[in-house]
C-alpha atoms as a PDB file:
ATOM      1  CA  UNK A   1     173.711 239.893  66.373  1.00  0.00           C
ATOM      2  CA  UNK A   2     173.430 238.599  62.831  1.00  0.00           C
ATOM      3  CA  UNK A   3     169.694 239.149  62.931  1.00  0.00           C
ATOM      4  CA  UNK A   4     170.145 242.711  64.048  1.00  0.00           C
ATOM      5  CA  UNK A   5     172.599 243.464  61.236  1.00  0.00           C
ATOM      6  CA  UNK A   6     170.161 241.804  58.697  1.00  0.00           C
ATOM      7  CA  UNK A   7     167.272 243.894  59.996  1.00  0.00           C
ATOM      8  CA  UNK A   8     169.353 247.109  59.840  1.00  0.00           C
ATOM      9  CA  UNK A   9     170.516 246.318  56.312  1.00  0.00           C
ATOM     10  CA  UNK A  10     166.958 245.480  55.275  1.00  0.00           C
ATOM     11  CA  UNK A  11     165.577 248.717  56.718  1.00  0.00           C
ATOM     12  CA  UNK A  12     168.384 250.792  55.015  1.00  0.00           C
ATOM     13  CA  UNK A  13     167.658 248.985  51.746  1.00  0.00           C
ATOM     14  CA  UNK A  14     163.955 249.754  51.964  1.00  0.00           C
ATOM     15  CA  UNK A  15     164.712 253.428  52.727  1.00  0.00           C
ATOM     16  CA  UNK A  16     167.044 253.613  49.761  1.00  0.00           C
ATOM     17  CA  UNK A  17     164.448 252.023  47.477  1.00  0.00           C
ATOM     18  CA  UNK A  18     161.788 254.400  48.797  1.00  0.00           C
ATOM     19  CA  UNK A  19     164.039 257.448  48.114  1.00  0.00           C
ATOM     20  CA  UNK A  20     164.770 256.154  44.572  1.00  0.00           C
ATOM     21  CA  UNK A  21     161.075 255.641  43.871  1.00  0.00           C
ATOM     22  CA  UNK A  22     160.286 259.193  45.126  1.00  0.00           C
ATOM     23  CA  UNK A  23     163.056 260.740  42.945  1.00  0.00           C
ATOM     24  CA  UNK A  24     161.838 258.871  39.866  1.00  0.00           C
ATOM     25  CA  UNK A  25     158.250 260.000  40.619  1.00  0.00           C
ATOM     26  CA  UNK A  26     159.394 263.630  40.880  1.00  0.00           C
ATOM     27  CA  UNK A  27     161.412 263.413  37.692  1.00  0.00           C
ATOM     28  CA  UNK A  28     158.371 261.980  35.807  1.00  0.00           C
ATOM     29  CA  UNK A  29     156.244 264.817  37.109  1.00  0.00           C
ATOM     30  CA  UNK A  30     158.771 267.404  35.934  1.00  0.00           C
ATOM     31  CA  UNK A  31     159.115 265.780  32.529  1.00  0.00           C
ATOM     32  CA  UNK A  32     155.360 265.664  31.997  1.00  0.00           C
ATOM     33  CA  UNK A  33     154.869 269.289  33.139  1.00  0.00           C
ATOM     34  CA  UNK A  34     157.605 270.438  30.802  1.00  0.00           C
ATOM     35  CA  UNK A  35     155.964 268.689  27.853  1.00  0.00           C
ATOM     36  CA  UNK A  36     152.630 270.300  28.714  1.00  0.00           C
ATOM     37  CA  UNK A  37     154.182 273.704  28.910  1.00  0.00           C
ATOM     38  CA  UNK A  38     155.991 273.248  25.623  1.00  0.00           C
ATOM     39  CA  UNK A  39     152.809 271.967  23.953  1.00  0.00           C
ATOM     40  CA  UNK A  40     150.784 274.884  25.316  1.00  0.00           C
ATOM     41  CA  UNK A  41     153.361 277.401  23.977  1.00  0.00           C
ATOM     42  CA  UNK A  42     153.272 275.708  20.570  1.00  0.00           C
ATOM     43  CA  UNK A  43     149.503 276.153  20.453  1.00  0.00           C
ATOM     44  CA  UNK A  44     149.831 279.813  21.104  1.00  0.00           C
ATOM     45  CA  UNK A  45     152.077 280.276  18.105  1.00  0.00           C
ATOM     46  CA  UNK A  46     150.184 280.335  14.814  1.00  0.00           C
ATOM     47  CA  UNK A  47     150.875 281.293  11.249  1.00  0.00           C
ATOM     48  CA  UNK A  48     148.882 284.539  11.433  1.00  0.00           C
ATOM     49  CA  UNK A  49     150.839 285.766  14.502  1.00  0.00           C
ATOM     50  CA  UNK A  50     154.154 284.748  12.993  1.00  0.00           C
ATOM     51  CA  UNK A  51     153.652 286.570   9.743  1.00  0.00           C
ATOM     52  CA  UNK A  52     152.193 289.640  11.515  1.00  0.00           C
ATOM     53  CA  UNK A  53     155.111 289.774  13.867  1.00  0.00           C
ATOM     54  CA  UNK A  54     157.627 289.461  11.029  1.00  0.00           C
ATOM     55  CA  UNK A  55     155.785 292.076   8.929  1.00  0.00           C
ATOM     56  CA  UNK A  56     155.624 294.459  11.813  1.00  0.00           C
ATOM     57  CA  UNK A  57     159.427 294.193  12.151  1.00  0.00           C
ATOM     58  CA  UNK A  58     159.883 294.721   8.375  1.00  0.00           C
ATOM     59  CA  UNK A  59     161.502 291.347   7.992  1.00  0.00           C
ATOM     60  CA  UNK A  60     162.014 289.853   4.560  1.00  0.00           C
ATOM     61  CA  UNK A  61     160.068 286.620   4.254  1.00  0.00           C
ATOM     62  CA  UNK A  62     160.332 283.805   1.766  1.00  0.00           C
ATOM     63  CA  UNK A  63     157.137 281.758   1.515  1.00  0.00           C
ATOM     64  CA  UNK A  64     157.838 278.231   0.215  1.00  0.00           C
ATOM     65  CA  UNK A  65     154.636 276.709  -1.279  1.00  0.00           C
ATOM     66  CA  UNK A  66     153.542 273.104  -0.867  1.00  0.00           C
ATOM     67  CA  UNK A  67     152.067 273.209  -4.331  1.00  0.00           C
ATOM     68  CA  UNK A  68     153.390 275.817  -6.785  1.00  0.00           C
ATOM     69  CA  UNK A  69     151.192 278.882  -6.935  1.00  0.00           C
ATOM     70  CA  UNK A  70     151.048 281.024 -10.128  1.00  0.00           C
ATOM     71  CA  UNK A  71     153.871 278.809 -11.534  1.00  0.00           C
ATOM     72  CA  UNK A  72     156.093 279.769  -8.554  1.00  0.00           C
ATOM     73  CA  UNK A  73     157.537 277.530  -5.789  1.00  0.00           C
ATOM     74  CA  UNK A  74     157.686 280.538  -3.445  1.00  0.00           C
ATOM     75  CA  UNK A  75     157.752 284.284  -3.076  1.00  0.00           C
ATOM     76  CA  UNK A  76     159.888 286.776  -1.287  1.00  0.00           C
ATOM     77  CA  UNK A  77     157.864 289.428   0.459  1.00  0.00           C
ATOM     78  CA  UNK A  78     158.425 292.329   0.380  1.00  0.00           C
ATOM     79  CA  UNK A  79     160.403 292.335  -2.840  1.00  0.00           C
ATOM     80  CA  UNK A  80     160.916 294.285  -6.055  1.00  0.00           C
ATOM     81  CA  UNK A  81     159.764 292.972  -9.351  1.00  0.00           C
ATOM     82  CA  UNK A  82     162.496 293.471 -11.963  1.00  0.00           C
ATOM     83  CA  UNK A  83     162.581 293.330 -15.693  1.00  0.00           C
ATOM     84  CA  UNK A  84     165.944 293.708 -17.502  1.00  0.00           C
ATOM     85  CA  UNK A  85     167.421 294.870 -14.266  1.00  0.00           C
ATOM     86  CA  UNK A  86     164.942 297.673 -13.678  1.00  0.00           C
ATOM     87  CA  UNK A  87     162.447 297.702 -10.873  1.00  0.00           C
ATOM     88  CA  UNK A  88     158.981 297.644 -12.465  1.00  0.00           C
ATOM     89  CA  UNK A  89     156.873 296.739  -9.423  1.00  0.00           C
ATOM     90  CA  UNK A  90     156.645 295.534  -5.885  1.00  0.00           C
ATOM     91  CA  UNK A  91     155.433 292.477  -3.911  1.00  0.00           C
ATOM     92  CA  UNK A  92     153.888 293.407  -0.572  1.00  0.00           C
ATOM     93  CA  UNK A  93     151.686 291.817   2.078  1.00  0.00           C
ATOM     94  CA  UNK A  94     148.125 293.137   1.732  1.00  0.00           C
ATOM     95  CA  UNK A  95     146.310 291.188   4.407  1.00  0.00           C
ATOM     96  CA  UNK A  96     147.042 288.485   6.996  1.00  0.00           C
ATOM     97  CA  UNK A  97     143.932 286.487   7.726  1.00  0.00           C
ATOM     98  CA  UNK A  98     143.290 283.689  10.160  1.00  0.00           C
ATOM     99  CA  UNK A  99     143.939 281.076   7.618  1.00  0.00           C
ATOM    100  CA  UNK A 100     145.555 282.879   4.652  1.00  0.00           C
ATOM    101  CA  UNK A 101     147.883 285.699   3.550  1.00  0.00           C
ATOM    102  CA  UNK A 102     147.150 288.016   0.659  1.00  0.00           C
ATOM    103  CA  UNK A 103     149.958 289.366  -1.400  1.00  0.00           C
ATOM    104  CA  UNK A 104     149.860 292.491  -3.612  1.00  0.00           C
ATOM    105  CA  UNK A 105     151.853 292.376  -6.806  1.00  0.00           C
ATOM    106  CA  UNK A 106     152.021 295.986  -8.035  1.00  0.00           C
ATOM    107  CA  UNK A 107     153.346 296.901 -11.475  1.00  0.00           C
ATOM    108  CA  UNK A 108     152.479 298.994 -14.451  1.00  0.00           C
ATOM    109  CA  UNK A 109     149.521 300.543 -12.638  1.00  0.00           C
ATOM    110  CA  UNK A 110     148.020 297.084 -12.032  1.00  0.00           C
ATOM    111  CA  UNK A 111     147.513 295.483  -8.654  1.00  0.00           C
ATOM    112  CA  UNK A 112     147.228 291.701  -8.644  1.00  0.00           C
ATOM    113  CA  UNK A 113     146.031 290.256  -5.335  1.00  0.00           C
ATOM    114  CA  UNK A 114     146.911 286.674  -4.501  1.00  0.00           C
ATOM    115  CA  UNK A 115     145.585 285.024  -1.392  1.00  0.00           C
ATOM    116  CA  UNK A 116     147.461 281.946  -0.260  1.00  0.00           C
ATOM    117  CA  UNK A 117     145.936 279.586   2.273  1.00  0.00           C
ATOM    118  CA  UNK A 118     148.313 278.750   5.189  1.00  0.00           C
ATOM    119  CA  UNK A 119     147.782 275.078   4.240  1.00  0.00           C
ATOM    120  CA  UNK A 120     149.751 275.773   1.011  1.00  0.00           C
ATOM    121  CA  UNK A 121     152.726 277.316   2.863  1.00  0.00           C
ATOM    122  CA  UNK A 122     155.313 274.695   3.543  1.00  0.00           C
ATOM    123  CA  UNK A 123     157.758 276.977   5.348  1.00  0.00           C
ATOM    124  CA  UNK A 124     158.725 280.617   5.964  1.00  0.00           C
ATOM    125  CA  UNK A 125     162.340 281.718   5.882  1.00  0.00           C
ATOM    126  CA  UNK A 126     162.948 285.184   7.105  1.00  0.00           C
ATOM    127  CA  UNK A 127     165.745 287.723   7.787  1.00  0.00           C
ATOM    128  CA  UNK A 128     165.945 291.034   9.506  1.00  0.00           C
ATOM    129  CA  UNK A 129     166.055 294.129   7.378  1.00  0.00           C
ATOM    130  CA  UNK A 130     169.526 295.400   6.375  1.00  0.00           C
ATOM    131  CA  UNK A 131     170.168 298.425   8.613  1.00  0.00           C
ATOM    132  CA  UNK A 132     173.839 298.911   7.489  1.00  0.00           C
ATOM    133  CA  UNK A 133     174.762 302.058   5.483  1.00  0.00           C
ATOM    134  CA  UNK A 134     175.564 301.154   1.929  1.00  0.00           C
END
């Protein structure tokens, strides 16, 4: 009788271990597939698409530069250029390339074009346009 109980316990234990191994294997597969999907989505997002999408929605963007450009740490686009509280020009996106963004600085009948490589953009902060009545 003792042998029969030992055999039953041993079989139950092996079944339980087998189920645990299968559950762990399934969990590992799910975790790996999730990482692959997330990595694939990240590859589909690129700087060009992000800037284009924000520009299409008329979002205000702040480009923070890795290395200051034209003596600035960053630019807000679109934005007004002000002197003594008066608007004297505008900053606008001119072109979004595969590896750069070009900005127009328009003022006093002069258009300065600055092209910034994506490698010099540390971050982009953005906000939706203000749609409230003022």
